[in-house]
PDB file of N, CA and C in Angstrom:
ATOM      1  N   MET A   1      81.996 119.104 104.006  1.00  0.00           N
ATOM      2  CA  MET A   1      81.637 118.644 102.735  1.00  0.00           C
ATOM      3  C   MET A   1      82.830 119.595 101.490  1.00  0.00           C
ATOM      4  N   ALA A   2      83.008 119.184 100.453  1.00  0.00           N
ATOM      5  CA  ALA A   2      83.717 119.576  99.752  1.00  0.00           C
ATOM      6  C   ALA A   2      83.330 120.674  98.946  1.00  0.00           C
ATOM      7  N   LYS A   3      83.962 121.878  98.299  1.00  0.00           N
ATOM      8  CA  LYS A   3      83.456 123.219  97.819  1.00  0.00           C
ATOM      9  C   LYS A   3      84.221 122.757  96.478  1.00  0.00           C
ATOM     10  N   VAL A   4      83.173 123.146  95.117  1.00  0.00           N
ATOM     11  CA  VAL A   4      83.898 122.857  93.711  1.00  0.00           C
ATOM     12  C   VAL A   4      83.837 124.243  93.164  1.00  0.00           C
ATOM     13  N   ILE A   5      85.337 124.808  92.382  1.00  0.00           N
ATOM     14  CA  ILE A   5      85.218 125.675  91.940  1.00  0.00           C
ATOM     15  C   ILE A   5      85.578 125.609  90.280  1.00  0.00           C
ATOM     16  N   ILE A   6      85.118 126.390  89.355  1.00  0.00           N
ATOM     17  CA  ILE A   6      85.818 126.100  88.042  1.00  0.00           C
ATOM     18  C   ILE A   6      86.816 127.377  87.625  1.00  0.00           C
ATOM     19  N   ASP A   7      88.233 126.853  87.515  1.00  0.00           N
ATOM     20  CA  ASP A   7      89.425 127.782  87.005  1.00  0.00           C
ATOM     21  C   ASP A   7      88.634 128.165  85.368  1.00  0.00           C
ATOM     22  N   ALA A   8      88.066 129.220  85.444  1.00  0.00           N
ATOM     23  CA  ALA A   8      87.665 129.542  83.770  1.00  0.00           C
ATOM     24  C   ALA A   8      88.971 129.931  82.919  1.00  0.00           C
ATOM     25  N   ASN A   9      89.514 130.265  83.635  1.00  0.00           N
ATOM     26  CA  ASN A   9      91.051 130.524  82.636  1.00  0.00           C
ATOM     27  C   ASN A   9      91.574 129.325  82.116  1.00  0.00           C
ATOM     28  N   ALA A  10      91.176 127.992  82.468  1.00  0.00           N
ATOM     29  CA  ALA A  10      91.582 126.741  81.818  1.00  0.00           C
ATOM     30  C   ALA A  10      90.563 125.907  81.284  1.00  0.00           C
ATOM     31  N   CYS A  11      89.096 126.169  81.688  1.00  0.00           N
ATOM     32  CA  CYS A  11      88.259 125.440  81.097  1.00  0.00           C
ATOM     33  C   CYS A  11      87.889 125.705  79.631  1.00  0.00           C
ATOM     34  N   VAL A  12      88.068 124.504  78.998  1.00  0.00           N
ATOM     35  CA  VAL A  12      87.784 124.446  77.651  1.00  0.00           C
ATOM     36  C   VAL A  12      86.403 124.031  76.691  1.00  0.00           C
ATOM     37  N   GLY A  13      85.386 124.317  77.803  1.00  0.00           N
ATOM     38  CA  GLY A  13      84.031 124.025  77.394  1.00  0.00           C
ATOM     39  C   GLY A  13      83.801 122.499  76.704  1.00  0.00           C
ATOM     40  N   CYS A  14      84.425 121.630  77.252  1.00  0.00           N
ATOM     41  CA  CYS A  14      83.806 120.308  77.024  1.00  0.00           C
ATOM     42  C   CYS A  14      82.611 119.652  77.369  1.00  0.00           C
ATOM     43  N   GLY A  15      82.355 120.203  78.454  1.00  0.00           N
ATOM     44  CA  GLY A  15      80.939 119.583  79.218  1.00  0.00           C
ATOM     45  C   GLY A  15      80.907 118.244  79.891  1.00  0.00           C
ATOM     46  N   LEU A  16      82.233 117.830  80.165  1.00  0.00           N
ATOM     47  CA  LEU A  16      82.081 116.515  81.132  1.00  0.00           C
ATOM     48  C   LEU A  16      81.780 116.954  82.370  1.00  0.00           C
ATOM     49  N   CYS A  17      82.089 118.072  83.085  1.00  0.00           N
ATOM     50  CA  CYS A  17      81.593 118.271  84.244  1.00  0.00           C
ATOM     51  C   CYS A  17      79.961 118.341  84.823  1.00  0.00           C
ATOM     52  N   VAL A  18      79.320 119.099  83.276  1.00  0.00           N
ATOM     53  CA  VAL A  18      77.925 119.208  83.157  1.00  0.00           C
ATOM     54  C   VAL A  18      77.288 117.567  82.942  1.00  0.00           C
ATOM     55  N   ASN A  19      78.159 117.102  82.115  1.00  0.00           N
ATOM     56  CA  ASN A  19      77.160 115.596  82.036  1.00  0.00           C
ATOM     57  C   ASN A  19      77.392 114.621  83.028  1.00  0.00           C
ATOM     58  N   SER A  20      78.298 114.747  83.786  1.00  0.00           N
ATOM     59  CA  SER A  20      78.529 114.137  85.135  1.00  0.00           C
ATOM     60  C   SER A  20      77.662 114.629  86.035  1.00  0.00           C
ATOM     61  N   CYS A  21      77.599 116.036  86.567  1.00  0.00           N
ATOM     62  CA  CYS A  21      76.744 116.602  87.561  1.00  0.00           C
ATOM     63  C   CYS A  21      76.017 117.789  87.180  1.00  0.00           C
ATOM     64  N   PRO A  22      74.895 117.409  86.419  1.00  0.00           N
ATOM     65  CA  PRO A  22      73.957 118.630  86.151  1.00  0.00           C
ATOM     66  C   PRO A  22      73.564 119.196  87.405  1.00  0.00           C
ATOM     67  N   ASP A  23      73.810 118.879  88.422  1.00  0.00           N
ATOM     68  CA  ASP A  23      72.810 119.246  89.657  1.00  0.00           C
ATOM     69  C   ASP A  23      74.153 120.580  89.992  1.00  0.00           C
ATOM     70  N   CYS A  24      75.258 120.304  89.868  1.00  0.00           N
ATOM     71  CA  CYS A  24      76.505 121.188  90.421  1.00  0.00           C
ATOM     72  C   CYS A  24      76.766 122.267  89.218  1.00  0.00           C
ATOM     73  N   PHE A  25      77.009 121.479  87.768  1.00  0.00           N
ATOM     74  CA  PHE A  25      77.398 122.585  86.874  1.00  0.00           C
ATOM     75  C   PHE A  25      76.638 122.606  85.618  1.00  0.00           C
ATOM     76  N   ASP A  26      76.745 123.702  85.049  1.00  0.00           N
ATOM     77  CA  ASP A  26      76.127 124.217  84.023  1.00  0.00           C
ATOM     78  C   ASP A  26      77.177 124.938  82.934  1.00  0.00           C
ATOM     79  N   MET A  27      76.441 124.868  81.562  1.00  0.00           N
ATOM     80  CA  MET A  27      77.669 126.123  80.824  1.00  0.00           C
ATOM     81  C   MET A  27      77.028 127.152  80.748  1.00  0.00           C
ATOM     82  N   GLY A  28      78.041 128.047  80.896  1.00  0.00           N
ATOM     83  CA  GLY A  28      77.533 129.652  80.486  1.00  0.00           C
ATOM     84  C   GLY A  28      77.642 130.002  79.188  1.00  0.00           C
ATOM     85  N   GLU A  29      76.805 131.275  79.241  1.00  0.00           N
ATOM     86  CA  GLU A  29      76.922 131.809  77.781  1.00  0.00           C
ATOM     87  C   GLU A  29      78.017 132.042  76.784  1.00  0.00           C
ATOM     88  N   ASN A  30      79.322 131.975  77.715  1.00  0.00           N
ATOM     89  CA  ASN A  30      80.535 132.168  76.725  1.00  0.00           C
ATOM     90  C   ASN A  30      81.547 130.634  76.615  1.00  0.00           C
ATOM     91  N   GLY A  31      80.350 129.546  76.983  1.00  0.00           N
ATOM     92  CA  GLY A  31      80.657 128.351  76.711  1.00  0.00           C
ATOM     93  C   GLY A  31      81.684 127.732  77.673  1.00  0.00           C
ATOM     94  N   ILE A  32      81.890 128.297  78.783  1.00  0.00           N
ATOM     95  CA  ILE A  32      82.690 128.130  79.901  1.00  0.00           C
ATOM     96  C   ILE A  32      81.834 127.445  81.080  1.00  0.00           C
ATOM     97  N   ALA A  33      82.208 126.256  81.631  1.00  0.00           N
ATOM     98  CA  ALA A  33      81.430 125.691  82.609  1.00  0.00           C
ATOM     99  C   ALA A  33      81.186 126.368  84.098  1.00  0.00           C
ATOM    100  N   ILE A  34      80.464 126.698  84.655  1.00  0.00           N
ATOM    101  CA  ILE A  34      79.894 127.219  85.606  1.00  0.00           C
ATOM    102  C   ILE A  34      79.374 126.708  86.786  1.00  0.00           C
ATOM    103  N   VAL A  35      80.107 126.764  87.957  1.00  0.00           N
ATOM    104  CA  VAL A  35      79.114 126.076  89.173  1.00  0.00           C
ATOM    105  C   VAL A  35      77.957 126.747  89.758  1.00  0.00           C
ATOM    106  N   LYS A  36      76.827 125.852  89.595  1.00  0.00           N
ATOM    107  CA  LYS A  36      75.542 126.138  89.905  1.00  0.00           C
ATOM    108  C   LYS A  36      75.547 126.280  91.269  1.00  0.00           C
ATOM    109  N   VAL A  37      76.027 125.066  92.245  1.00  0.00           N
ATOM    110  CA  VAL A  37      76.073 125.143  93.668  1.00  0.00           C
ATOM    111  C   VAL A  37      77.665 124.894  93.962  1.00  0.00           C
ATOM    112  N   SER A  38      77.841 125.406  94.942  1.00  0.00           N
ATOM    113  CA  SER A  38      79.532 125.353  95.430  1.00  0.00           C
ATOM    114  C   SER A  38      79.706 123.989  96.160  1.00  0.00           C
ATOM    115  N   GLU A  39      78.732 123.497  96.959  1.00  0.00           N
ATOM    116  CA  GLU A  39      78.802 122.116  97.510  1.00  0.00           C
ATOM    117  C   GLU A  39      77.826 121.302  96.943  1.00  0.00           C
ATOM    118  N   CYS A  40      78.216 120.050  96.849  1.00  0.00           N
ATOM    119  CA  CYS A  40      77.361 118.920  96.194  1.00  0.00           C
ATOM    120  C   CYS A  40      77.144 117.718  96.832  1.00  0.00           C
ATOM    121  N   SER A  41      75.817 117.316  97.192  1.00  0.00           N
ATOM    122  CA  SER A  41      75.791 115.938  97.848  1.00  0.00           C
ATOM    123  C   SER A  41      74.904 114.975  96.793  1.00  0.00           C
ATOM    124  N   SER A  42      74.935 115.269  95.761  1.00  0.00           N
ATOM    125  CA  SER A  42      74.644 114.134  94.828  1.00  0.00           C
ATOM    126  C   SER A  42      75.593 113.366  94.053  1.00  0.00           C
ATOM    127  N   CYS A  43      76.655 113.919  93.767  1.00  0.00           N
ATOM    128  CA  CYS A  43      77.762 113.353  92.983  1.00  0.00           C
ATOM    129  C   CYS A  43      79.005 113.216  93.709  1.00  0.00           C
ATOM    130  N   ASP A  44      80.026 112.784  93.060  1.00  0.00           N
ATOM    131  CA  ASP A  44      81.527 112.454  93.746  1.00  0.00           C
ATOM    132  C   ASP A  44      82.169 113.327  93.057  1.00  0.00           C
ATOM    133  N   LEU A  45      82.394 114.616  93.784  1.00  0.00           N
ATOM    134  CA  LEU A  45      83.001 115.681  93.048  1.00  0.00           C
ATOM    135  C   LEU A  45      84.683 115.563  92.870  1.00  0.00           C
ATOM    136  N   SER A  46      85.202 114.734  93.370  1.00  0.00           N
ATOM    137  CA  SER A  46      86.491 114.257  92.927  1.00  0.00           C
ATOM    138  C   SER A  46      86.175 113.608  91.937  1.00  0.00           C
ATOM    139  N   GLU A  47      85.508 112.653  91.604  1.00  0.00           N
ATOM    140  CA  GLU A  47      85.328 111.989  90.199  1.00  0.00           C
ATOM    141  C   GLU A  47      85.033 112.712  89.320  1.00  0.00           C
ATOM    142  N   VAL A  48      84.067 113.584  89.198  1.00  0.00           N
ATOM    143  CA  VAL A  48      84.005 114.972  88.490  1.00  0.00           C
ATOM    144  C   VAL A  48      85.307 115.192  87.768  1.00  0.00           C
ATOM    145  N   ALA A  49      86.123 116.193  88.997  1.00  0.00           N
ATOM    146  CA  ALA A  49      87.397 116.665  88.824  1.00  0.00           C
ATOM    147  C   ALA A  49      88.398 115.897  88.152  1.00  0.00           C
ATOM    148  N   SER A  50      88.555 114.617  88.163  1.00  0.00           N
ATOM    149  CA  SER A  50      89.385 113.530  87.628  1.00  0.00           C
ATOM    150  C   SER A  50      89.141 113.355  86.327  1.00  0.00           C
ATOM    151  N   GLN A  51      88.062 113.694  85.812  1.00  0.00           N
ATOM    152  CA  GLN A  51      87.276 113.565  84.584  1.00  0.00           C
ATOM    153  C   GLN A  51      87.786 114.701  83.686  1.00  0.00           C
ATOM    154  N   CYS A  52      88.014 116.198  84.160  1.00  0.00           N
ATOM    155  CA  CYS A  52      88.189 117.215  83.721  1.00  0.00           C
ATOM    156  C   CYS A  52      89.261 116.816  83.039  1.00  0.00           C
ATOM    157  N   PRO A  53      89.401 117.279  81.417  1.00  0.00           N
ATOM    158  CA  PRO A  53      90.795 116.766  80.624  1.00  0.00           C
ATOM    159  C   PRO A  53      91.493 118.226  80.663  1.00  0.00           C
ATOM    160  N   VAL A  54      91.664 119.359  81.384  1.00  0.00           N
ATOM    161  CA  VAL A  54      92.603 120.083  81.604  1.00  0.00           C
ATOM    162  C   VAL A  54      92.393 120.757  83.335  1.00  0.00           C
ATOM    163  N   ASN A  55      91.976 119.926  83.904  1.00  0.00           N
ATOM    164  CA  ASN A  55      92.264 120.204  85.486  1.00  0.00           C
ATOM    165  C   ASN A  55      91.549 121.441  85.915  1.00  0.00           C
ATOM    166  N   ALA A  56      90.324 121.750  85.012  1.00  0.00           N
ATOM    167  CA  ALA A  56      89.754 123.102  85.530  1.00  0.00           C
ATOM    168  C   ALA A  56      88.581 123.169  86.370  1.00  0.00           C
ATOM    169  N   VAL A  57      88.279 121.900  87.143  1.00  0.00           N
ATOM    170  CA  VAL A  57      87.505 121.825  88.033  1.00  0.00           C
ATOM    171  C   VAL A  57      88.153 121.366  89.134  1.00  0.00           C
ATOM    172  N   LEU A  58      88.214 122.369  90.198  1.00  0.00           N
ATOM    173  CA  LEU A  58      88.986 122.176  91.696  1.00  0.00           C
ATOM    174  C   LEU A  58      88.677 121.841  92.449  1.00  0.00           C
ATOM    175  N   ILE A  59      88.721 121.189  93.657  1.00  0.00           N
ATOM    176  CA  ILE A  59      88.029 120.893  94.878  1.00  0.00           C
ATOM    177  C   ILE A  59      88.719 121.620  95.953  1.00  0.00           C
ATOM    178  N   GLU A  60      87.880 122.264  96.939  1.00  0.00           N
ATOM    179  CA  GLU A  60      88.526 122.841  98.061  1.00  0.00           C
ATOM    180  C   GLU A  60      88.029 121.920  99.283  1.00  0.00           C
ATOM    181  N   GLU A  61      88.694 121.620 100.383  1.00  0.00           N
ATOM    182  CA  GLU A  61      88.484 120.787 101.200  1.00  0.00           C
ATOM    183  C   GLU A  61      87.819 121.539 102.489  1.00  0.00           C
TER     184      GLU A  61
END
């Protein structure tokens, strides 16, 4: 199963990842996305990563 991380330096806080998979992602107090769980079976992490406009969602196989 793939593991997901957020590149906090690249994240602009648009929230697309949170909207795509709220089981995995949330917005931190600083407005940057955070990963709630590093592995997800409820969404297609590759699809979520492809939607990120700044490539801040990274998938590790």
